[in-house]
C-alpha atoms as a PDB file:
ATOM      1  CA  MET A   1      12.552 -17.150  22.144  1.00  0.00           C
ATOM      2  CA  ASN A   2      15.479 -17.232  19.747  1.00  0.00           C
ATOM      3  CA  THR A   3      16.783 -14.295  17.617  1.00  0.00           C
ATOM      4  CA  LYS A   4      15.075 -15.987  14.617  1.00  0.00           C
ATOM      5  CA  LYS A   5      11.848 -15.591  16.140  1.00  0.00           C
ATOM      6  CA  TYR A   6      12.332 -12.122  17.317  1.00  0.00           C
ATOM      7  CA  TRP A   7      13.477 -11.293  13.582  1.00  0.00           C
ATOM      8  CA  ALA A   8      10.331 -12.521  12.156  1.00  0.00           C
ATOM      9  CA  ILE A   9       7.966 -10.944  14.775  1.00  0.00           C
ATOM     10  CA  ALA A  10       9.590  -7.526  13.858  1.00  0.00           C
ATOM     11  CA  ARG A  11       9.398  -8.187  10.241  1.00  0.00           C
ATOM     12  CA  LEU A  12       5.632  -8.964  10.553  1.00  0.00           C
ATOM     13  CA  VAL A  13       4.942  -5.606  12.534  1.00  0.00           C
ATOM     14  CA  GLY A  14       6.819  -4.146   9.905  1.00  0.00           C
ATOM     15  CA  ILE A  15       4.869  -5.403   7.194  1.00  0.00           C
ATOM     16  CA  GLY A  16       1.672  -4.374   8.939  1.00  0.00           C
ATOM     17  CA  TRP A  17       2.954  -0.764   9.017  1.00  0.00           C
ATOM     18  CA  TYR A  18       3.915  -0.763   5.316  1.00  0.00           C
ATOM     19  CA  VAL A  19       0.336  -1.826   4.288  1.00  0.00           C
ATOM     20  CA  GLY A  20      -1.043   0.870   6.643  1.00  0.00           C
ATOM     21  CA  ILE A  21       1.100   3.592   5.239  1.00  0.00           C
ATOM     22  CA  CYS A  22       0.772   2.766   1.538  1.00  0.00           C
ATOM     23  CA  ILE A  23      -3.058   2.960   1.819  1.00  0.00           C
ATOM     24  CA  GLY A  24      -3.202   5.946   3.930  1.00  0.00           C
ATOM     25  CA  PHE A  25      -0.625   7.827   1.646  1.00  0.00           C
ATOM     26  CA  GLY A  26      -2.653   6.684  -1.526  1.00  0.00           C
ATOM     27  CA  ALA A  27      -6.059   8.084   0.431  1.00  0.00           C
ATOM     28  CA  TRP A  28      -4.347  11.222   1.316  1.00  0.00           C
ATOM     29  CA  ALA A  29      -3.083  11.965  -2.390  1.00  0.00           C
ATOM     30  CA  GLY A  30      -6.175  11.101  -3.823  1.00  0.00           C
ATOM     31  CA  LEU A  31      -7.896  13.478  -1.363  1.00  0.00           C
ATOM     32  CA  TRP A  32      -5.383  16.174  -2.156  1.00  0.00           C
ATOM     33  CA  ALA A  33      -5.626  15.715  -5.910  1.00  0.00           C
ATOM     34  CA  ASP A  34      -9.410  15.959  -5.498  1.00  0.00           C
ATOM     35  CA  ASN A  35      -9.450  19.093  -3.367  1.00  0.00           C
ATOM     36  CA  ARG A  36      -7.128  20.677  -6.094  1.00  0.00           C
ATOM     37  CA  LEU A  37      -8.974  19.521  -9.155  1.00  0.00           C
ATOM     38  CA  GLY A  38     -12.607  19.103  -7.798  1.00  0.00           C
ATOM     39  CA  LEU A  39     -13.065  15.509  -9.154  1.00  0.00           C
ATOM     40  CA  SER A  40     -14.348  14.267  -5.667  1.00  0.00           C
ATOM     41  CA  PRO A  41     -14.319  11.441  -4.751  1.00  0.00           C
ATOM     42  CA  MET A  42     -12.995   9.750  -8.201  1.00  0.00           C
ATOM     43  CA  LEU A  43      -9.351  10.573  -7.205  1.00  0.00           C
ATOM     44  CA  THR A  44      -9.435   9.598  -3.605  1.00  0.00           C
ATOM     45  CA  LEU A  45     -11.075   6.220  -4.870  1.00  0.00           C
ATOM     46  CA  ALA A  46      -8.161   5.537  -7.353  1.00  0.00           C
ATOM     47  CA  GLY A  47      -5.419   6.670  -4.622  1.00  0.00           C
ATOM     48  CA  ILE A  48      -6.953   4.070  -2.463  1.00  0.00           C
ATOM     49  CA  ALA A  49      -6.973   1.471  -5.218  1.00  0.00           C
ATOM     50  CA  ILE A  50      -3.347   2.232  -6.112  1.00  0.00           C
ATOM     51  CA  GLY A  51      -2.394   2.116  -2.377  1.00  0.00           C
ATOM     52  CA  LEU A  52      -4.039  -1.145  -2.075  1.00  0.00           C
ATOM     53  CA  VAL A  53      -2.148  -2.585  -5.077  1.00  0.00           C
ATOM     54  CA  VAL A  54       1.352  -1.302  -3.923  1.00  0.00           C
ATOM     55  CA  ALA A  55       0.795  -2.665  -0.398  1.00  0.00           C
ATOM     56  CA  LEU A  56      -0.432  -5.988  -1.811  1.00  0.00           C
ATOM     57  CA  ALA A  57       2.736  -6.321  -3.913  1.00  0.00           C
ATOM     58  CA  GLY A  58       4.971  -5.225  -1.188  1.00  0.00           C
ATOM     59  CA  MET A  59       3.154  -7.260   1.482  1.00  0.00           C
ATOM     60  CA  ILE A  60       3.581 -10.513  -0.875  1.00  0.00           C
ATOM     61  CA  ARG A  61       7.286  -9.958  -1.375  1.00  0.00           C
ATOM     62  CA  MET A  62       7.854  -9.287   2.221  1.00  0.00           C
ATOM     63  CA  LEU A  63       6.038 -12.396   3.440  1.00  0.00           C
ATOM     64  CA  MET A  64       7.837 -14.672   0.965  1.00  0.00           C
ATOM     65  CA  ALA A  65      11.143 -13.199   2.327  1.00  0.00           C
ATOM     66  CA  VAL A  66      10.146 -14.113   6.153  1.00  0.00           C
ATOM     67  CA  LEU A  67       8.851 -17.272   4.957  1.00  0.00           C
ATOM     68  CA  ARG A  68      12.250 -18.213   3.400  1.00  0.00           C
ATOM     69  CA  TYR A  69      14.116 -16.972   6.195  1.00  0.00           C
ATOM     70  CA  VAL A  70      11.946 -18.907   8.833  1.00  0.00           C
ATOM     71  CA  SER A  71      12.168 -22.116   6.658  1.00  0.00           C
ATOM     72  CA  GLU A  72      15.804 -22.295   6.719  1.00  0.00           C
ATOM     73  CA  SER A  73      17.602 -24.473   9.123  1.00  0.00           C
ATOM     74  CA  ASP A  74      20.052 -23.408  11.514  1.00  0.00           C
END
């Protein structure tokens, strides 16, 4: 395998971590806010939704960068 393929694989693994962290942090922040304000489960669901939106937007940007890099000729 050449360096370009290793770079692409590493970036794809990083994208997976990014998505998981965004959704996990959104859920955690919503749960924390629910415990503080007593609005369970509304803020947890809102945190998950915000995490999903942020994860989707970031994932699209990162995937476009990977595809551009891989499609470039050597």
